[in-house]
Amino acid sequence: GALKATDADSLSIYVRNVKLALLGKAQRIIKE
């Protein structure tokens, strides 16, 4: 919440980095 209040773009970048970390740990990815 504090990050979004400071910079909305920074929040989207943080979410993307978290997704990349999760994708790096996944053995199989199913994409719609």
PDB file of all heavy atoms in Angstrom:
ATOM      1  N   GLY A   1       0.826  -1.213   0.000  1.00  0.00           N
ATOM      2  CA  GLY A   1       0.000   0.000   0.000  1.00  0.00           C
ATOM      3  C   GLY A   1       0.843   1.239   0.000  1.00  0.00           C
ATOM      4  O   GLY A   1       0.536   2.225  -0.714  1.00  0.00           O
ATOM      5  N   ALA A   2       1.928   1.219   0.796  1.00  0.00           N
ATOM      6  CA  ALA A   2       2.827   2.376   0.807  1.00  0.00           C
ATOM      7  C   ALA A   2       3.531   2.539  -0.548  1.00  0.00           C
ATOM      8  O   ALA A   2       3.730   3.665  -1.026  1.00  0.00           O
ATOM      9  CB  ALA A   2       3.858   2.199   1.932  1.00  0.00           C
ATOM     10  N   LEU A   3       3.890   1.407  -1.208  1.00  0.00           N
ATOM     11  CA  LEU A   3       4.546   1.473  -2.514  1.00  0.00           C
ATOM     12  C   LEU A   3       3.613   2.020  -3.577  1.00  0.00           C
ATOM     13  O   LEU A   3       4.011   2.850  -4.425  1.00  0.00           O
ATOM     14  CB  LEU A   3       5.027   0.072  -2.909  1.00  0.00           C
ATOM     15  CG  LEU A   3       5.803  -0.043  -4.225  1.00  0.00           C
ATOM     16  CD1 LEU A   3       7.070   0.809  -4.180  1.00  0.00           C
ATOM     17  CD2 LEU A   3       6.156  -1.490  -4.511  1.00  0.00           C
ATOM     18  N   LYS A   4       2.349   1.613  -3.554  1.00  0.00           N
ATOM     19  CA  LYS A   4       1.378   2.100  -4.534  1.00  0.00           C
ATOM     20  C   LYS A   4       1.115   3.592  -4.352  1.00  0.00           C
ATOM     21  O   LYS A   4       0.946   4.340  -5.323  1.00  0.00           O
ATOM     22  CB  LYS A   4       0.073   1.322  -4.388  1.00  0.00           C
ATOM     23  CG  LYS A   4      -1.002   1.754  -5.368  1.00  0.00           C
ATOM     24  CD  LYS A   4      -2.256   0.910  -5.196  1.00  0.00           C
ATOM     25  CE  LYS A   4      -3.333   1.354  -6.188  1.00  0.00           C
ATOM     26  NZ  LYS A   4      -4.574   0.556  -6.023  1.00  0.00           N
ATOM     27  N   ALA A   5       1.081   4.002  -3.067  1.00  0.00           N
ATOM     28  CA  ALA A   5       0.853   5.428  -2.820  1.00  0.00           C
ATOM     29  C   ALA A   5       2.031   6.264  -3.301  1.00  0.00           C
ATOM     30  O   ALA A   5       1.855   7.423  -3.699  1.00  0.00           O
ATOM     31  CB  ALA A   5       0.613   5.642  -1.316  1.00  0.00           C
ATOM     32  N   THR A   6       3.206   5.681  -3.282  1.00  0.00           N
ATOM     33  CA  THR A   6       4.393   6.439  -3.718  1.00  0.00           C
ATOM     34  C   THR A   6       4.486   6.491  -5.247  1.00  0.00           C
ATOM     35  O   THR A   6       4.673   7.555  -5.841  1.00  0.00           O
ATOM     36  CB  THR A   6       5.661   5.788  -3.149  1.00  0.00           C
ATOM     37  OG1 THR A   6       5.549   5.749  -1.725  1.00  0.00           O
ATOM     38  CG2 THR A   6       6.897   6.592  -3.518  1.00  0.00           C
ATOM     39  N   ASP A   7       4.324   5.317  -5.901  1.00  0.00           N
ATOM     40  CA  ASP A   7       4.451   5.254  -7.368  1.00  0.00           C
ATOM     41  C   ASP A   7       3.686   4.035  -7.860  1.00  0.00           C
ATOM     42  O   ASP A   7       4.034   2.908  -7.524  1.00  0.00           O
ATOM     43  CB  ASP A   7       5.927   5.152  -7.752  1.00  0.00           C
ATOM     44  CG  ASP A   7       6.133   5.258  -9.274  1.00  0.00           C
ATOM     45  OD1 ASP A   7       5.124   5.403  -9.992  1.00  0.00           O
ATOM     46  OD2 ASP A   7       7.290   5.185  -9.693  1.00  0.00           O
ATOM     47  N   ALA A   8       2.631   4.270  -8.651  1.00  0.00           N
ATOM     48  CA  ALA A   8       1.793   3.179  -9.149  1.00  0.00           C
ATOM     49  C   ALA A   8       2.580   2.253 -10.081  1.00  0.00           C
ATOM     50  O   ALA A   8       2.372   1.044 -10.100  1.00  0.00           O
ATOM     51  CB  ALA A   8       0.552   3.726  -9.862  1.00  0.00           C
ATOM     52  N   ASP A   9       3.513   2.825 -10.891  1.00  0.00           N
ATOM     53  CA  ASP A   9       4.308   1.994 -11.807  1.00  0.00           C
ATOM     54  C   ASP A   9       5.226   1.055 -11.030  1.00  0.00           C
ATOM     55  O   ASP A   9       5.499  -0.061 -11.477  1.00  0.00           O
ATOM     56  CB  ASP A   9       5.141   2.896 -12.747  1.00  0.00           C
ATOM     57  CG  ASP A   9       4.243   3.718 -13.685  1.00  0.00           C
ATOM     58  OD1 ASP A   9       3.095   3.267 -13.919  1.00  0.00           O
ATOM     59  OD2 ASP A   9       4.679   4.802 -14.115  1.00  0.00           O
ATOM     60  N   SER A  10       5.727   1.520  -9.921  1.00  0.00           N
ATOM     61  CA  SER A  10       6.613   0.672  -9.109  1.00  0.00           C
ATOM     62  C   SER A  10       5.879  -0.573  -8.625  1.00  0.00           C
ATOM     63  O   SER A  10       6.462  -1.661  -8.541  1.00  0.00           O
ATOM     64  CB  SER A  10       7.139   1.450  -7.899  1.00  0.00           C
ATOM     65  OG  SER A  10       7.894   2.569  -8.328  1.00  0.00           O
ATOM     66  N   LEU A  11       4.569  -0.454  -8.333  1.00  0.00           N
ATOM     67  CA  LEU A  11       3.802  -1.599  -7.881  1.00  0.00           C
ATOM     68  C   LEU A  11       3.675  -2.633  -8.985  1.00  0.00           C
ATOM     69  O   LEU A  11       3.819  -3.836  -8.743  1.00  0.00           O
ATOM     70  CB  LEU A  11       2.405  -1.149  -7.409  1.00  0.00           C
ATOM     71  CG  LEU A  11       1.477  -2.258  -6.925  1.00  0.00           C
ATOM     72  CD1 LEU A  11       2.088  -2.993  -5.730  1.00  0.00           C
ATOM     73  CD2 LEU A  11       0.105  -1.684  -6.546  1.00  0.00           C
ATOM     74  N   SER A  12       3.437  -2.176 -10.237  1.00  0.00           N
ATOM     75  CA  SER A  12       3.318  -3.125 -11.349  1.00  0.00           C
ATOM     76  C   SER A  12       4.654  -3.812 -11.631  1.00  0.00           C
ATOM     77  O   SER A  12       4.686  -5.008 -11.940  1.00  0.00           O
ATOM     78  CB  SER A  12       2.833  -2.396 -12.622  1.00  0.00           C
ATOM     79  OG  SER A  12       3.761  -1.360 -12.982  1.00  0.00           O
ATOM     80  N   ILE A  13       5.744  -3.081 -11.446  1.00  0.00           N
ATOM     81  CA  ILE A  13       7.059  -3.677 -11.637  1.00  0.00           C
ATOM     82  C   ILE A  13       7.309  -4.739 -10.547  1.00  0.00           C
ATOM     83  O   ILE A  13       7.839  -5.823 -10.804  1.00  0.00           O
ATOM     84  CB  ILE A  13       8.154  -2.599 -11.616  1.00  0.00           C
ATOM     85  CG1 ILE A  13       7.984  -1.654 -12.819  1.00  0.00           C
ATOM     86  CG2 ILE A  13       9.554  -3.234 -11.620  1.00  0.00           C
ATOM     87  CD1 ILE A  13       8.910  -0.450 -12.786  1.00  0.00           C
ATOM     88  N   TYR A  14       6.916  -4.452  -9.317  1.00  0.00           N
ATOM     89  CA  TYR A  14       7.089  -5.404  -8.205  1.00  0.00           C
ATOM     90  C   TYR A  14       6.290  -6.676  -8.451  1.00  0.00           C
ATOM     91  O   TYR A  14       6.793  -7.785  -8.244  1.00  0.00           O
ATOM     92  CB  TYR A  14       6.642  -4.751  -6.890  1.00  0.00           C
ATOM     93  CG  TYR A  14       6.646  -5.702  -5.716  1.00  0.00           C
ATOM     94  CD1 TYR A  14       7.831  -6.024  -5.050  1.00  0.00           C
ATOM     95  CD2 TYR A  14       5.464  -6.313  -5.304  1.00  0.00           C
ATOM     96  CE1 TYR A  14       7.818  -6.906  -4.000  1.00  0.00           C
ATOM     97  CE2 TYR A  14       5.450  -7.205  -4.252  1.00  0.00           C
ATOM     98  CZ  TYR A  14       6.640  -7.505  -3.592  1.00  0.00           C
ATOM     99  OH  TYR A  14       6.622  -8.377  -2.546  1.00  0.00           O
ATOM    100  N   VAL A  15       5.043  -6.502  -8.942  1.00  0.00           N
ATOM    101  CA  VAL A  15       4.202  -7.669  -9.219  1.00  0.00           C
ATOM    102  C   VAL A  15       4.836  -8.504 -10.343  1.00  0.00           C
ATOM    103  O   VAL A  15       4.832  -9.736 -10.287  1.00  0.00           O
ATOM    104  CB  VAL A  15       2.770  -7.229  -9.579  1.00  0.00           C
ATOM    105  CG1 VAL A  15       1.952  -8.410 -10.060  1.00  0.00           C
ATOM    106  CG2 VAL A  15       2.104  -6.550  -8.389  1.00  0.00           C
ATOM    107  N   ARG A  16       5.378  -7.835 -11.366  1.00  0.00           N
ATOM    108  CA  ARG A  16       6.012  -8.575 -12.451  1.00  0.00           C
ATOM    109  C   ARG A  16       7.212  -9.360 -11.959  1.00  0.00           C
ATOM    110  O   ARG A  16       7.410 -10.526 -12.331  1.00  0.00           O
ATOM    111  CB  ARG A  16       6.454  -7.581 -13.540  1.00  0.00           C
ATOM    112  CG  ARG A  16       7.015  -8.272 -14.807  1.00  0.00           C
ATOM    113  CD  ARG A  16       7.739  -7.290 -15.667  1.00  0.00           C
ATOM    114  NE  ARG A  16       8.908  -6.757 -14.963  1.00  0.00           N
ATOM    115  CZ  ARG A  16       9.742  -5.852 -15.485  1.00  0.00           C
ATOM    116  NH1 ARG A  16       9.527  -5.332 -16.671  1.00  0.00           N
ATOM    117  NH2 ARG A  16      10.785  -5.423 -14.783  1.00  0.00           N
ATOM    118  N   ASN A  17       8.025  -8.791 -11.066  1.00  0.00           N
ATOM    119  CA  ASN A  17       9.202  -9.489 -10.541  1.00  0.00           C
ATOM    120  C   ASN A  17       8.790 -10.689  -9.697  1.00  0.00           C
ATOM    121  O   ASN A  17       9.441 -11.747  -9.732  1.00  0.00           O
ATOM    122  CB  ASN A  17      10.047  -8.535  -9.707  1.00  0.00           C
ATOM    123  CG  ASN A  17      10.697  -7.450 -10.567  1.00  0.00           C
ATOM    124  OD1 ASN A  17      10.884  -7.642 -11.787  1.00  0.00           O
ATOM    125  ND2 ASN A  17      11.022  -6.319  -9.951  1.00  0.00           N
ATOM    126  N   VAL A  18       7.700 -10.532  -8.953  1.00  0.00           N
ATOM    127  CA  VAL A  18       7.224 -11.658  -8.151  1.00  0.00           C
ATOM    128  C   VAL A  18       6.758 -12.785  -9.056  1.00  0.00           C
ATOM    129  O   VAL A  18       7.024 -13.971  -8.800  1.00  0.00           O
ATOM    130  CB  VAL A  18       6.093 -11.197  -7.201  1.00  0.00           C
ATOM    131  CG1 VAL A  18       5.445 -12.392  -6.511  1.00  0.00           C
ATOM    132  CG2 VAL A  18       6.640 -10.226  -6.161  1.00  0.00           C
ATOM    133  N   LYS A  19       6.044 -12.438 -10.169  1.00  0.00           N
ATOM    134  CA  LYS A  19       5.587 -13.459 -11.099  1.00  0.00           C
ATOM    135  C   LYS A  19       6.755 -14.174 -11.738  1.00  0.00           C
ATOM    136  O   LYS A  19       6.742 -15.400 -11.913  1.00  0.00           O
ATOM    137  CB  LYS A  19       4.695 -12.840 -12.174  1.00  0.00           C
ATOM    138  CG  LYS A  19       3.330 -12.403 -11.659  1.00  0.00           C
ATOM    139  CD  LYS A  19       2.495 -11.826 -12.800  1.00  0.00           C
ATOM    140  CE  LYS A  19       1.102 -11.421 -12.335  1.00  0.00           C
ATOM    141  NZ  LYS A  19       0.287 -10.879 -13.447  1.00  0.00           N
ATOM    142  N   LEU A  20       7.789 -13.436 -12.106  1.00  0.00           N
ATOM    143  CA  LEU A  20       8.956 -14.044 -12.718  1.00  0.00           C
ATOM    144  C   LEU A  20       9.626 -15.024 -11.752  1.00  0.00           C
ATOM    145  O   LEU A  20      10.094 -16.101 -12.167  1.00  0.00           O
ATOM    146  CB  LEU A  20       9.955 -12.965 -13.156  1.00  0.00           C
ATOM    147  CG  LEU A  20       9.504 -12.084 -14.329  1.00  0.00           C
ATOM    148  CD1 LEU A  20      10.529 -10.971 -14.601  1.00  0.00           C
ATOM    149  CD2 LEU A  20       9.312 -12.928 -15.586  1.00  0.00           C
ATOM    150  N   ALA A  21       9.691 -14.644 -10.468  1.00  0.00           N
ATOM    151  CA  ALA A  21      10.290 -15.542  -9.478  1.00  0.00           C
ATOM    152  C   ALA A  21       9.476 -16.820  -9.335  1.00  0.00           C
ATOM    153  O   ALA A  21      10.027 -17.929  -9.229  1.00  0.00           O
ATOM    154  CB  ALA A  21      10.397 -14.837  -8.126  1.00  0.00           C
ATOM    155  N   LEU A  22       8.124 -16.689  -9.388  1.00  0.00           N
ATOM    156  CA  LEU A  22       7.282 -17.866  -9.286  1.00  0.00           C
ATOM    157  C   LEU A  22       7.402 -18.734 -10.524  1.00  0.00           C
ATOM    158  O   LEU A  22       7.433 -19.969 -10.435  1.00  0.00           O
ATOM    159  CB  LEU A  22       5.824 -17.444  -9.047  1.00  0.00           C
ATOM    160  CG  LEU A  22       5.531 -16.769  -7.694  1.00  0.00           C
ATOM    161  CD1 LEU A  22       4.078 -16.293  -7.656  1.00  0.00           C
ATOM    162  CD2 LEU A  22       5.795 -17.734  -6.535  1.00  0.00           C
ATOM    163  N   LEU A  23       7.462 -18.090 -11.709  1.00  0.00           N
ATOM    164  CA  LEU A  23       7.594 -18.844 -12.955  1.00  0.00           C
ATOM    165  C   LEU A  23       8.930 -19.592 -13.003  1.00  0.00           C
ATOM    166  O   LEU A  23       9.039 -20.683 -13.573  1.00  0.00           O
ATOM    167  CB  LEU A  23       7.452 -17.913 -14.158  1.00  0.00           C
ATOM    168  CG  LEU A  23       6.055 -17.298 -14.366  1.00  0.00           C
ATOM    169  CD1 LEU A  23       6.075 -16.277 -15.503  1.00  0.00           C
ATOM    170  CD2 LEU A  23       5.031 -18.383 -14.660  1.00  0.00           C
ATOM    171  N   GLY A  24       9.973 -18.996 -12.397  1.00  0.00           N
ATOM    172  CA  GLY A  24      11.273 -19.655 -12.385  1.00  0.00           C
ATOM    173  C   GLY A  24      11.265 -20.921 -11.528  1.00  0.00           C
ATOM    174  O   GLY A  24      12.034 -21.847 -11.781  1.00  0.00           O
ATOM    175  N   LYS A  25      10.383 -20.992 -10.565  1.00  0.00           N
ATOM    176  CA  LYS A  25      10.304 -22.165  -9.705  1.00  0.00           C
ATOM    177  C   LYS A  25       9.341 -23.214 -10.242  1.00  0.00           C
ATOM    178  O   LYS A  25       9.385 -24.367  -9.804  1.00  0.00           O
ATOM    179  CB  LYS A  25       9.871 -21.761  -8.286  1.00  0.00           C
ATOM    180  CG  LYS A  25      10.861 -20.854  -7.586  1.00  0.00           C
ATOM    181  CD  LYS A  25      10.350 -20.472  -6.207  1.00  0.00           C
ATOM    182  CE  LYS A  25      11.329 -19.554  -5.486  1.00  0.00           C
ATOM    183  NZ  LYS A  25      10.848 -19.168  -4.146  1.00  0.00           N
ATOM    184  N   ALA A  26       8.470 -22.822 -11.209  1.00  0.00           N
ATOM    185  CA  ALA A  26       7.442 -23.754 -11.699  1.00  0.00           C
ATOM    186  C   ALA A  26       8.063 -24.727 -12.698  1.00  0.00           C
ATOM    187  O   ALA A  26       8.946 -24.380 -13.482  1.00  0.00           O
ATOM    188  CB  ALA A  26       6.310 -22.976 -12.346  1.00  0.00           C
ATOM    189  N   GLN A  27       7.596 -25.988 -12.648  1.00  0.00           N
ATOM    190  CA  GLN A  27       8.059 -27.005 -13.598  1.00  0.00           C
ATOM    191  C   GLN A  27       7.165 -27.049 -14.835  1.00  0.00           C
ATOM    192  O   GLN A  27       7.588 -27.505 -15.889  1.00  0.00           O
ATOM    193  CB  GLN A  27       8.056 -28.382 -12.915  1.00  0.00           C
ATOM    194  CG  GLN A  27       9.031 -28.483 -11.750  1.00  0.00           C
ATOM    195  CD  GLN A  27       8.982 -29.846 -11.085  1.00  0.00           C
ATOM    196  OE1 GLN A  27       8.152 -30.676 -11.461  1.00  0.00           O
ATOM    197  NE2 GLN A  27       9.887 -30.067 -10.122  1.00  0.00           N
ATOM    198  N   ARG A  28       5.952 -26.630 -14.752  1.00  0.00           N
ATOM    199  CA  ARG A  28       5.038 -26.636 -15.884  1.00  0.00           C
ATOM    200  C   ARG A  28       4.156 -25.398 -15.785  1.00  0.00           C
ATOM    201  O   ARG A  28       3.663 -25.078 -14.714  1.00  0.00           O
ATOM    202  CB  ARG A  28       4.167 -27.887 -15.874  1.00  0.00           C
ATOM    203  CG  ARG A  28       3.182 -27.950 -17.042  1.00  0.00           C
ATOM    204  CD  ARG A  28       2.312 -29.196 -16.953  1.00  0.00           C
ATOM    205  NE  ARG A  28       3.152 -30.405 -17.056  1.00  0.00           N
ATOM    206  CZ  ARG A  28       2.685 -31.637 -16.960  1.00  0.00           C
ATOM    207  NH1 ARG A  28       1.390 -31.830 -16.741  1.00  0.00           N
ATOM    208  NH2 ARG A  28       3.511 -32.694 -17.076  1.00  0.00           N
ATOM    209  N   ILE A  29       3.949 -24.790 -16.930  1.00  0.00           N
ATOM    210  CA  ILE A  29       3.164 -23.548 -16.973  1.00  0.00           C
ATOM    211  C   ILE A  29       2.012 -23.783 -17.933  1.00  0.00           C
ATOM    212  O   ILE A  29       2.207 -24.192 -19.066  1.00  0.00           O
ATOM    213  CB  ILE A  29       4.003 -22.352 -17.430  1.00  0.00           C
ATOM    214  CG1 ILE A  29       5.164 -22.140 -16.428  1.00  0.00           C
ATOM    215  CG2 ILE A  29       3.141 -21.099 -17.529  1.00  0.00           C
ATOM    216  CD1 ILE A  29       6.116 -21.054 -16.893  1.00  0.00           C
ATOM    217  N   ILE A  30       0.840 -23.497 -17.518  1.00  0.00           N
ATOM    218  CA  ILE A  30      -0.350 -23.594 -18.370  1.00  0.00           C
ATOM    219  C   ILE A  30      -0.875 -22.173 -18.578  1.00  0.00           C
ATOM    220  O   ILE A  30      -1.255 -21.507 -17.605  1.00  0.00           O
ATOM    221  CB  ILE A  30      -1.435 -24.469 -17.725  1.00  0.00           C
ATOM    222  CG1 ILE A  30      -0.892 -25.893 -17.505  1.00  0.00           C
ATOM    223  CG2 ILE A  30      -2.693 -24.489 -18.551  1.00  0.00           C
ATOM    224  CD1 ILE A  30      -1.838 -26.784 -16.749  1.00  0.00           C
ATOM    225  N   LYS A  31      -0.902 -21.753 -19.802  1.00  0.00           N
ATOM    226  CA  LYS A  31      -1.314 -20.399 -20.100  1.00  0.00           C
ATOM    227  C   LYS A  31      -2.596 -20.430 -20.918  1.00  0.00           C
ATOM    228  O   LYS A  31      -2.719 -21.164 -21.878  1.00  0.00           O
ATOM    229  CB  LYS A  31      -0.216 -19.686 -20.912  1.00  0.00           C
ATOM    230  CG  LYS A  31      -0.532 -18.226 -21.192  1.00  0.00           C
ATOM    231  CD  LYS A  31       0.635 -17.541 -21.925  1.00  0.00           C
ATOM    232  CE  LYS A  31       0.320 -16.096 -22.157  1.00  0.00           C
ATOM    233  NZ  LYS A  31       1.398 -15.439 -22.906  1.00  0.00           N
ATOM    234  N   GLU A  32      -3.501 -19.629 -20.517  1.00  0.00           N
ATOM    235  CA  GLU A  32      -4.809 -19.545 -21.171  1.00  0.00           C
ATOM    236  C   GLU A  32      -4.636 -18.753 -22.470  1.00  0.00           C
ATOM    237  O   GLU A  32      -4.045 -17.679 -22.493  1.00  0.00           O
ATOM    238  CB  GLU A  32      -5.809 -18.871 -20.239  1.00  0.00           C
ATOM    239  CG  GLU A  32      -7.204 -18.781 -20.831  1.00  0.00           C
ATOM    240  CD  GLU A  32      -8.179 -18.095 -19.906  1.00  0.00           C
ATOM    241  OE1 GLU A  32      -7.744 -17.691 -18.779  1.00  0.00           O
ATOM    242  OE2 GLU A  32      -9.344 -17.957 -20.270  1.00  0.00           O
TER     243      GLU A  32
END
